[in-house]
Amino acid sequence: MEELIEILEEVREDIDFQNTTDLIDGGVLDSFDILQIISALNDAYDISIPAAEIIPANFNSAEALLAMVERLSEE
């Protein structure tokens, strides 16, 4: 989780990724932030995030992002 938080903070250092659970629903992240996060996760974890995975439920919190990364890493 620490590595993921570091990656997210490189994209937006002004957000408390540890405790925020409405990154999408609350309008905390915009579409450009999401694209940056996708690119950073693809590079850091050597995964490819398909369009079907780009849904609010997967991006609302660091925990949800980590679960998606772990799921995609297993495929």
C-alpha atoms as a PDB file:
ATOM      1  CA  MET A   1       0.000   0.000   0.000  1.00  0.00           C
ATOM      2  CA  GLU A   2       2.850   2.411   0.774  1.00  0.00           C
ATOM      3  CA  GLU A   3       4.195   2.131  -2.766  1.00  0.00           C
ATOM      4  CA  LEU A   4       0.744   2.843  -4.187  1.00  0.00           C
ATOM      5  CA  ILE A   5       0.287   5.885  -1.932  1.00  0.00           C
ATOM      6  CA  GLU A   6       3.665   7.230  -3.089  1.00  0.00           C
ATOM      7  CA  ILE A   7       2.622   6.823  -6.728  1.00  0.00           C
ATOM      8  CA  LEU A   8      -0.697   8.565  -6.095  1.00  0.00           C
ATOM      9  CA  GLU A   9       1.010  11.408  -4.234  1.00  0.00           C
ATOM     10  CA  GLU A  10       3.295  11.960  -7.226  1.00  0.00           C
ATOM     11  CA  VAL A  11       0.156  12.630  -9.260  1.00  0.00           C
ATOM     12  CA  ARG A  12      -1.603  14.797  -6.638  1.00  0.00           C
ATOM     13  CA  GLU A  13       0.365  15.601  -3.499  1.00  0.00           C
ATOM     14  CA  ASP A  14      -2.479  17.738  -2.109  1.00  0.00           C
ATOM     15  CA  ILE A  15      -4.834  14.772  -1.522  1.00  0.00           C
ATOM     16  CA  ASP A  16      -4.960  12.539   1.560  1.00  0.00           C
ATOM     17  CA  PHE A  17      -5.057   9.218  -0.304  1.00  0.00           C
ATOM     18  CA  GLN A  18      -4.773   7.281   2.975  1.00  0.00           C
ATOM     19  CA  ASN A  19      -8.178   8.422   4.204  1.00  0.00           C
ATOM     20  CA  THR A  20     -10.191   9.681   1.240  1.00  0.00           C
ATOM     21  CA  THR A  21     -12.836   7.244  -0.002  1.00  0.00           C
ATOM     22  CA  ASP A  22     -14.702   9.420  -2.512  1.00  0.00           C
ATOM     23  CA  LEU A  23     -11.961  10.367  -4.944  1.00  0.00           C
ATOM     24  CA  ILE A  24     -14.343  10.077  -7.896  1.00  0.00           C
ATOM     25  CA  ASP A  25     -17.776  10.437  -6.317  1.00  0.00           C
ATOM     26  CA  GLY A  26     -16.622  13.513  -4.396  1.00  0.00           C
ATOM     27  CA  GLY A  27     -15.036  15.123  -7.444  1.00  0.00           C
ATOM     28  CA  VAL A  28     -11.577  15.086  -5.861  1.00  0.00           C
ATOM     29  CA  LEU A  29      -9.930  13.665  -9.011  1.00  0.00           C
ATOM     30  CA  ASP A  30     -10.593  14.938 -12.512  1.00  0.00           C
ATOM     31  CA  SER A  31     -10.242  13.021 -15.760  1.00  0.00           C
ATOM     32  CA  PHE A  32      -6.659  14.206 -16.267  1.00  0.00           C
ATOM     33  CA  ASP A  33      -5.712  12.932 -12.787  1.00  0.00           C
ATOM     34  CA  ILE A  34      -7.279   9.570 -13.596  1.00  0.00           C
ATOM     35  CA  LEU A  35      -5.291   9.290 -16.833  1.00  0.00           C
ATOM     36  CA  GLN A  36      -2.085  10.114 -14.956  1.00  0.00           C
ATOM     37  CA  ILE A  37      -2.873   7.505 -12.301  1.00  0.00           C
ATOM     38  CA  ILE A  38      -3.606   4.861 -14.944  1.00  0.00           C
ATOM     39  CA  SER A  39      -0.318   5.585 -16.689  1.00  0.00           C
ATOM     40  CA  ALA A  40       1.647   5.538 -13.432  1.00  0.00           C
ATOM     41  CA  LEU A  41       0.064   2.253 -12.304  1.00  0.00           C
ATOM     42  CA  ASN A  42       0.625   0.636 -15.691  1.00  0.00           C
ATOM     43  CA  ASP A  43       4.314   1.549 -15.507  1.00  0.00           C
ATOM     44  CA  ALA A  44       4.908   0.801 -11.830  1.00  0.00           C
ATOM     45  CA  TYR A  45       3.124  -2.558 -11.712  1.00  0.00           C
ATOM     46  CA  ASP A  46       3.637  -3.690 -15.322  1.00  0.00           C
ATOM     47  CA  ILE A  47      -0.097  -4.066 -15.877  1.00  0.00           C
ATOM     48  CA  SER A  48      -2.556  -2.817 -18.455  1.00  0.00           C
ATOM     49  CA  ILE A  49      -5.753  -1.317 -17.098  1.00  0.00           C
ATOM     50  CA  PRO A  50      -8.514  -2.064 -19.631  1.00  0.00           C
ATOM     51  CA  ALA A  51     -11.312   0.425 -20.288  1.00  0.00           C
ATOM     52  CA  ALA A  52     -13.806  -1.872 -18.546  1.00  0.00           C
ATOM     53  CA  GLU A  53     -11.891  -1.366 -15.264  1.00  0.00           C
ATOM     54  CA  ILE A  54     -12.050   2.433 -15.457  1.00  0.00           C
ATOM     55  CA  ILE A  55     -15.123   2.819 -13.280  1.00  0.00           C
ATOM     56  CA  PRO A  56     -15.661   4.959 -10.165  1.00  0.00           C
ATOM     57  CA  ALA A  57     -15.701   1.933  -7.843  1.00  0.00           C
ATOM     58  CA  ASN A  58     -12.086   1.123  -8.786  1.00  0.00           C
ATOM     59  CA  PHE A  59     -10.841   4.710  -8.336  1.00  0.00           C
ATOM     60  CA  ASN A  60     -12.727   6.023  -5.276  1.00  0.00           C
ATOM     61  CA  SER A  61      -9.994   5.068  -2.788  1.00  0.00           C
ATOM     62  CA  ALA A  62      -6.440   3.831  -2.525  1.00  0.00           C
ATOM     63  CA  GLU A  63      -7.814   0.517  -1.224  1.00  0.00           C
ATOM     64  CA  ALA A  64      -9.980   0.104  -4.326  1.00  0.00           C
ATOM     65  CA  LEU A  65      -7.049   0.965  -6.578  1.00  0.00           C
ATOM     66  CA  LEU A  66      -4.835  -1.556  -4.793  1.00  0.00           C
ATOM     67  CA  ALA A  67      -7.478  -4.267  -5.136  1.00  0.00           C
ATOM     68  CA  MET A  68      -7.714  -3.564  -8.878  1.00  0.00           C
ATOM     69  CA  VAL A  69      -3.920  -3.618  -9.289  1.00  0.00           C
ATOM     70  CA  GLU A  70      -3.658  -6.911  -7.415  1.00  0.00           C
ATOM     71  CA  ARG A  71      -6.456  -8.443  -9.482  1.00  0.00           C
ATOM     72  CA  LEU A  72      -4.875  -7.316 -12.759  1.00  0.00           C
ATOM     73  CA  SER A  73      -1.427  -8.472 -11.658  1.00  0.00           C
ATOM     74  CA  GLU A  74      -2.755 -11.995 -11.220  1.00  0.00           C
ATOM     75  CA  GLU A  75      -4.156 -12.161 -14.760  1.00  0.00           C
END
